[in-house]
PDB file of N, CA and C in Angstrom:
ATOM      1  N   MET A   1      79.279-235.318-263.713  1.00  0.00           N
ATOM      2  CA  MET A   1      78.128-234.986-264.531  1.00  0.00           C
ATOM      3  C   MET A   1      77.170-234.176-263.677  1.00  0.00           C
ATOM      4  N   GLY A   2      76.760-233.049-264.168  1.00  0.00           N
ATOM      5  CA  GLY A   2      75.820-232.202-263.455  1.00  0.00           C
ATOM      6  C   GLY A   2      74.385-232.602-263.737  1.00  0.00           C
ATOM      7  N   VAL A   3      73.497-232.115-262.914  1.00  0.00           N
ATOM      8  CA  VAL A   3      72.082-232.443-263.053  1.00  0.00           C
ATOM      9  C   VAL A   3      71.521-231.916-264.365  1.00  0.00           C
ATOM     10  N   ARG A   4      72.009-230.763-264.811  1.00  0.00           N
ATOM     11  CA  ARG A   4      71.465-230.204-266.051  1.00  0.00           C
ATOM     12  C   ARG A   4      71.814-231.038-267.281  1.00  0.00           C
ATOM     13  N   HIS A   5      72.817-231.912-267.183  1.00  0.00           N
ATOM     14  CA  HIS A   5      73.201-232.777-268.303  1.00  0.00           C
ATOM     15  C   HIS A   5      72.471-234.124-268.271  1.00  0.00           C
ATOM     16  N   MET A   6      71.658-234.350-267.281  1.00  0.00           N
ATOM     17  CA  MET A   6      70.985-235.638-267.119  1.00  0.00           C
ATOM     18  C   MET A   6      69.529-235.544-267.554  1.00  0.00           C
ATOM     19  N   GLN A   7      69.285-235.287-268.794  1.00  0.00           N
ATOM     20  CA  GLN A   7      67.932-235.155-269.290  1.00  0.00           C
ATOM     21  C   GLN A   7      67.197-236.490-269.190  1.00  0.00           C
ATOM     22  N   GLY A   8      66.100-236.523-268.430  1.00  0.00           N
ATOM     23  CA  GLY A   8      65.289-237.722-268.301  1.00  0.00           C
ATOM     24  C   GLY A   8      65.767-238.698-267.246  1.00  0.00           C
ATOM     25  N   VAL A   9      66.801-238.372-266.498  1.00  0.00           N
ATOM     26  CA  VAL A   9      67.318-239.257-265.451  1.00  0.00           C
ATOM     27  C   VAL A   9      66.991-238.635-264.098  1.00  0.00           C
ATOM     28  N   PRO A  10      66.435-239.410-263.159  1.00  0.00           N
ATOM     29  CA  PRO A  10      66.128-238.850-261.838  1.00  0.00           C
ATOM     30  C   PRO A  10      67.382-238.295-261.159  1.00  0.00           C
ATOM     31  N   ALA A  11      67.242-237.155-260.511  1.00  0.00           N
ATOM     32  CA  ALA A  11      68.382-236.464-259.901  1.00  0.00           C
ATOM     33  C   ALA A  11      69.007-237.258-258.770  1.00  0.00           C
ATOM     34  N   HIS A  12      68.227-238.093-258.056  1.00  0.00           N
ATOM     35  CA  HIS A  12      68.786-238.818-256.923  1.00  0.00           C
ATOM     36  C   HIS A  12      69.810-239.874-257.340  1.00  0.00           C
ATOM     37  N   ILE A  13      69.813-240.275-258.600  1.00  0.00           N
ATOM     38  CA  ILE A  13      70.776-241.276-259.069  1.00  0.00           C
ATOM     39  C   ILE A  13      72.200-240.732-259.003  1.00  0.00           C
ATOM     40  N   GLU A  14      72.374-239.453-259.277  1.00  0.00           N
ATOM     41  CA  GLU A  14      73.707-238.867-259.244  1.00  0.00           C
ATOM     42  C   GLU A  14      74.251-238.778-257.820  1.00  0.00           C
ATOM     43  N   TYR A  15      73.393-238.683-256.840  1.00  0.00           N
ATOM     44  CA  TYR A  15      73.823-238.471-255.465  1.00  0.00           C
ATOM     45  C   TYR A  15      73.745-239.721-254.589  1.00  0.00           C
ATOM     46  N   LEU A  16      73.504-240.890-255.157  1.00  0.00           N
ATOM     47  CA  LEU A  16      73.418-242.116-254.361  1.00  0.00           C
ATOM     48  C   LEU A  16      74.729-242.454-253.677  1.00  0.00           C
ATOM     49  N   LYS A  17      75.823-242.350-254.363  1.00  0.00           N
ATOM     50  CA  LYS A  17      77.130-242.664-253.795  1.00  0.00           C
ATOM     51  C   LYS A  17      77.968-241.402-253.761  1.00  0.00           C
ATOM     52  N   SER A  18      78.699-241.251-252.690  1.00  0.00           N
ATOM     53  CA  SER A  18      79.612-240.126-252.591  1.00  0.00           C
ATOM     54  C   SER A  18      80.996-240.665-252.252  1.00  0.00           C
ATOM     55  N   ASP A  19      81.976-239.794-252.285  1.00  0.00           N
ATOM     56  CA  ASP A  19      83.337-240.208-251.983  1.00  0.00           C
ATOM     57  C   ASP A  19      83.583-240.319-250.480  1.00  0.00           C
ATOM     58  N   SER A  20      82.692-239.745-249.682  1.00  0.00           N
ATOM     59  CA  SER A  20      82.880-239.779-248.237  1.00  0.00           C
ATOM     60  C   SER A  20      82.347-241.087-247.653  1.00  0.00           C
ATOM     61  N   ILE A  21      82.719-241.339-246.414  1.00  0.00           N
ATOM     62  CA  ILE A  21      82.271-242.537-245.715  1.00  0.00           C
ATOM     63  C   ILE A  21      80.826-242.325-245.258  1.00  0.00           C
ATOM     64  N   ARG A  22      80.015-243.334-245.392  1.00  0.00           N
ATOM     65  CA  ARG A  22      78.619-243.233-244.995  1.00  0.00           C
ATOM     66  C   ARG A  22      78.520-243.131-243.473  1.00  0.00           C
ATOM     67  N   ARG A  23      77.673-242.252-243.005  1.00  0.00           N
ATOM     68  CA  ARG A  23      77.485-242.067-241.572  1.00  0.00           C
ATOM     69  C   ARG A  23      76.727-243.237-240.972  1.00  0.00           C
ATOM     70  N   ASN A  24      77.151-243.654-239.803  1.00  0.00           N
ATOM     71  CA  ASN A  24      76.500-244.737-239.088  1.00  0.00           C
ATOM     72  C   ASN A  24      76.468-244.360-237.612  1.00  0.00           C
ATOM     73  N   ILE A  25      75.337-244.518-236.985  1.00  0.00           N
ATOM     74  CA  ILE A  25      75.177-244.141-235.583  1.00  0.00           C
ATOM     75  C   ILE A  25      76.126-244.921-234.673  1.00  0.00           C
ATOM     76  N   ALA A  26      76.462-246.135-235.050  1.00  0.00           N
ATOM     77  CA  ALA A  26      77.365-246.952-234.239  1.00  0.00           C
ATOM     78  C   ALA A  26      78.799-246.457-234.306  1.00  0.00           C
ATOM     79  N   HIS A  27      79.142-245.693-235.336  1.00  0.00           N
ATOM     80  CA  HIS A  27      80.510-245.193-235.501  1.00  0.00           C
ATOM     81  C   HIS A  27      80.670-243.746-235.040  1.00  0.00           C
ATOM     82  N   CYS A  28      79.622-243.166-234.494  1.00  0.00           N
ATOM     83  CA  CYS A  28      79.694-241.788-234.022  1.00  0.00           C
ATOM     84  C   CYS A  28      80.464-241.729-232.705  1.00  0.00           C
ATOM     85  N   LYS A  29      81.354-240.779-232.629  1.00  0.00           N
ATOM     86  CA  LYS A  29      82.182-240.588-231.430  1.00  0.00           C
ATOM     87  C   LYS A  29      81.340-240.202-230.217  1.00  0.00           C
ATOM     88  N   PHE A  30      80.192-239.573-230.454  1.00  0.00           N
ATOM     89  CA  PHE A  30      79.355-239.074-229.374  1.00  0.00           C
ATOM     90  C   PHE A  30      78.121-239.932-229.094  1.00  0.00           C
ATOM     91  N   SER A  31      78.101-241.168-229.548  1.00  0.00           N
ATOM     92  CA  SER A  31      76.961-242.038-229.269  1.00  0.00           C
ATOM     93  C   SER A  31      77.352-243.108-228.258  1.00  0.00           C
ATOM     94  N   LYS A  32      76.445-243.398-227.374  1.00  0.00           N
ATOM     95  CA  LYS A  32      76.670-244.420-226.347  1.00  0.00           C
ATOM     96  C   LYS A  32      75.648-245.521-226.578  1.00  0.00           C
ATOM     97  N   HIS A  33      76.131-246.748-226.722  1.00  0.00           N
ATOM     98  CA  HIS A  33      75.271-247.890-227.026  1.00  0.00           C
ATOM     99  C   HIS A  33      74.619-248.408-225.756  1.00  0.00           C
ATOM    100  N   LEU A  34      73.307-248.527-225.789  1.00  0.00           N
ATOM    101  CA  LEU A  34      72.568-249.046-224.638  1.00  0.00           C
ATOM    102  C   LEU A  34      72.025-250.440-224.886  1.00  0.00           C
ATOM    103  N   GLY A  35      72.288-251.003-226.057  1.00  0.00           N
ATOM    104  CA  GLY A  35      71.805-252.343-226.393  1.00  0.00           C
ATOM    105  C   GLY A  35      70.623-252.307-227.329  1.00  0.00           C
ATOM    106  N   LYS A  36      70.559-253.284-228.212  1.00  0.00           N
ATOM    107  CA  LYS A  36      69.458-253.469-229.180  1.00  0.00           C
ATOM    108  C   LYS A  36      69.078-252.199-229.916  1.00  0.00           C
ATOM    109  N   LYS A  37      70.040-251.624-230.642  1.00  0.00           N
ATOM    110  CA  LYS A  37      69.824-250.452-231.498  1.00  0.00           C
ATOM    111  C   LYS A  37      69.399-249.209-230.720  1.00  0.00           C
ATOM    112  N   ASN A  38      69.713-249.139-229.451  1.00  0.00           N
ATOM    113  CA  ASN A  38      69.411-247.959-228.653  1.00  0.00           C
ATOM    114  C   ASN A  38      70.700-247.205-228.383  1.00  0.00           C
ATOM    115  N   TYR A  39      70.728-245.952-228.778  1.00  0.00           N
ATOM    116  CA  TYR A  39      71.889-245.096-228.593  1.00  0.00           C
ATOM    117  C   TYR A  39      71.445-243.788-227.973  1.00  0.00           C
ATOM    118  N   ILE A  40      72.308-243.193-227.138  1.00  0.00           N
ATOM    119  CA  ILE A  40      72.054-241.858-226.629  1.00  0.00           C
ATOM    120  C   ILE A  40      73.214-240.962-227.032  1.00  0.00           C
ATOM    121  N   CYS A  41      72.923-239.690-227.157  1.00  0.00           N
ATOM    122  CA  CYS A  41      73.929-238.708-227.539  1.00  0.00           C
ATOM    123  C   CYS A  41      74.659-238.243-226.282  1.00  0.00           C
ATOM    124  N   ILE A  42      75.993-238.252-226.327  1.00  0.00           N
ATOM    125  CA  ILE A  42      76.778-237.795-225.179  1.00  0.00           C
ATOM    126  C   ILE A  42      77.589-236.546-225.524  1.00  0.00           C
ATOM    127  N   CYS A  43      77.226-235.861-226.579  1.00  0.00           N
ATOM    128  CA  CYS A  43      77.887-234.617-226.970  1.00  0.00           C
ATOM    129  C   CYS A  43      77.321-233.472-226.138  1.00  0.00           C
ATOM    130  N   THR A  44      78.183-232.803-225.393  1.00  0.00           N
ATOM    131  CA  THR A  44      77.719-231.738-224.503  1.00  0.00           C
ATOM    132  C   THR A  44      77.251-230.498-225.262  1.00  0.00           C
ATOM    133  N   ASP A  45      77.690-230.308-226.493  1.00  0.00           N
ATOM    134  CA  ASP A  45      77.269-229.156-227.289  1.00  0.00           C
ATOM    135  C   ASP A  45      75.915-229.358-227.964  1.00  0.00           C
ATOM    136  N   SER A  46      75.505-230.595-228.103  1.00  0.00           N
ATOM    137  CA  SER A  46      74.267-230.923-228.806  1.00  0.00           C
ATOM    138  C   SER A  46      73.042-230.640-227.941  1.00  0.00           C
ATOM    139  N   PRO A  47      71.962-230.155-228.561  1.00  0.00           N
ATOM    140  CA  PRO A  47      70.717-229.981-227.803  1.00  0.00           C
ATOM    141  C   PRO A  47      70.068-231.319-227.440  1.00  0.00           C
ATOM    142  N   HIS A  48      70.544-232.399-228.040  1.00  0.00           N
ATOM    143  CA  HIS A  48      70.009-233.739-227.769  1.00  0.00           C
ATOM    144  C   HIS A  48      70.881-234.504-226.783  1.00  0.00           C
ATOM    145  N   ASN A  49      71.700-233.799-226.013  1.00  0.00           N
ATOM    146  CA  ASN A  49      72.591-234.433-225.051  1.00  0.00           C
ATOM    147  C   ASN A  49      71.788-235.233-224.029  1.00  0.00           C
ATOM    148  N   GLU A  50      72.221-236.479-223.803  1.00  0.00           N
ATOM    149  CA  GLU A  50      71.567-237.423-222.881  1.00  0.00           C
ATOM    150  C   GLU A  50      70.157-237.804-223.319  1.00  0.00           C
ATOM    151  N   LYS A  51      69.860-237.653-224.605  1.00  0.00           N
ATOM    152  CA  LYS A  51      68.575-238.074-225.165  1.00  0.00           C
ATOM    153  C   LYS A  51      68.842-239.112-226.248  1.00  0.00           C
ATOM    154  N   ALA A  52      67.811-239.760-226.698  1.00  0.00           N
ATOM    155  CA  ALA A  52      67.948-240.781-227.725  1.00  0.00           C
ATOM    156  C   ALA A  52      68.467-240.183-229.024  1.00  0.00           C
ATOM    157  N   CYS A  53      69.440-240.847-229.605  1.00  0.00           N
ATOM    158  CA  CYS A  53      69.980-240.445-230.894  1.00  0.00           C
ATOM    159  C   CYS A  53      69.270-241.269-231.968  1.00  0.00           C
ATOM    160  N   ASN A  54      68.561-240.591-232.845  1.00  0.00           N
ATOM    161  CA  ASN A  54      67.759-241.296-233.844  1.00  0.00           C
ATOM    162  C   ASN A  54      68.363-241.294-235.235  1.00  0.00           C
ATOM    163  N   SER A  55      69.151-240.282-235.544  1.00  0.00           N
ATOM    164  CA  SER A  55      69.652-240.175-236.904  1.00  0.00           C
ATOM    165  C   SER A  55      71.027-239.529-236.932  1.00  0.00           C
ATOM    166  N   SER A  56      72.011-240.277-237.356  1.00  0.00           N
ATOM    167  CA  SER A  56      73.351-239.713-237.494  1.00  0.00           C
ATOM    168  C   SER A  56      73.480-238.938-238.798  1.00  0.00           C
ATOM    169  N   SER A  57      72.611-239.198-239.741  1.00  0.00           N
ATOM    170  CA  SER A  57      72.708-238.527-241.038  1.00  0.00           C
ATOM    171  C   SER A  57      72.320-237.052-240.957  1.00  0.00           C
ATOM    172  N   ARG A  58      71.521-236.673-239.980  1.00  0.00           N
ATOM    173  CA  ARG A  58      71.089-235.283-239.846  1.00  0.00           C
ATOM    174  C   ARG A  58      71.763-234.555-238.685  1.00  0.00           C
ATOM    175  N   CYS A  59      72.688-235.208-238.023  1.00  0.00           N
ATOM    176  CA  CYS A  59      73.327-234.631-236.835  1.00  0.00           C
ATOM    177  C   CYS A  59      74.432-233.644-237.224  1.00  0.00           C
ATOM    178  N   ASP A  60      74.420-232.476-236.609  1.00  0.00           N
ATOM    179  CA  ASP A  60      75.443-231.466-236.869  1.00  0.00           C
ATOM    180  C   ASP A  60      76.739-231.759-236.124  1.00  0.00           C
ATOM    181  N   TYR A  61      76.687-232.615-235.125  1.00  0.00           N
ATOM    182  CA  TYR A  61      77.848-232.892-234.278  1.00  0.00           C
ATOM    183  C   TYR A  61      78.474-234.262-234.548  1.00  0.00           C
ATOM    184  N   TYR A  62      78.058-234.930-235.613  1.00  0.00           N
ATOM    185  CA  TYR A  62      78.570-236.266-235.935  1.00  0.00           C
ATOM    186  C   TYR A  62      80.083-236.200-236.209  1.00  0.00           C
ATOM    187  N   THR A  63      80.827-237.069-235.524  1.00  0.00           N
ATOM    188  CA  THR A  63      82.258-237.231-235.753  1.00  0.00           C
ATOM    189  C   THR A  63      82.545-238.718-235.788  1.00  0.00           C
ATOM    190  N   ASP A  64      83.157-239.169-236.857  1.00  0.00           N
ATOM    191  CA  ASP A  64      83.447-240.582-237.027  1.00  0.00           C
ATOM    192  C   ASP A  64      84.634-240.985-236.155  1.00  0.00           C
ATOM    193  N   LYS A  65      84.451-241.985-235.304  1.00  0.00           N
ATOM    194  CA  LYS A  65      85.526-242.412-234.415  1.00  0.00           C
ATOM    195  C   LYS A  65      86.484-243.392-235.078  1.00  0.00           C
ATOM    196  N   ARG A  66      86.203-243.803-236.299  1.00  0.00           N
ATOM    197  CA  ARG A  66      87.101-244.714-237.011  1.00  0.00           C
ATOM    198  C   ARG A  66      88.302-243.992-237.585  1.00  0.00           C
ATOM    199  N   ASN A  67      88.243-242.681-237.691  1.00  0.00           N
ATOM    200  CA  ASN A  67      89.365-241.901-238.258  1.00  0.00           C
ATOM    201  C   ASN A  67      90.376-241.576-237.222  1.00  0.00           C
TER     202      ASN A  67
END
């Protein structure tokens, strides 16, 4: 169902669930766990390399290590 067919329904309802796996910072191949929800980025291509990783949802270098 497209957004134009959803008269009177908020657009975010259509995009709440997707077919892909939800991103999680703990499942990122390039995150290193430092304890108590602290992660650093270990991707050498990322501008945030060796810095705190705050959001896997906005990361261009996110790769799921479960696959």
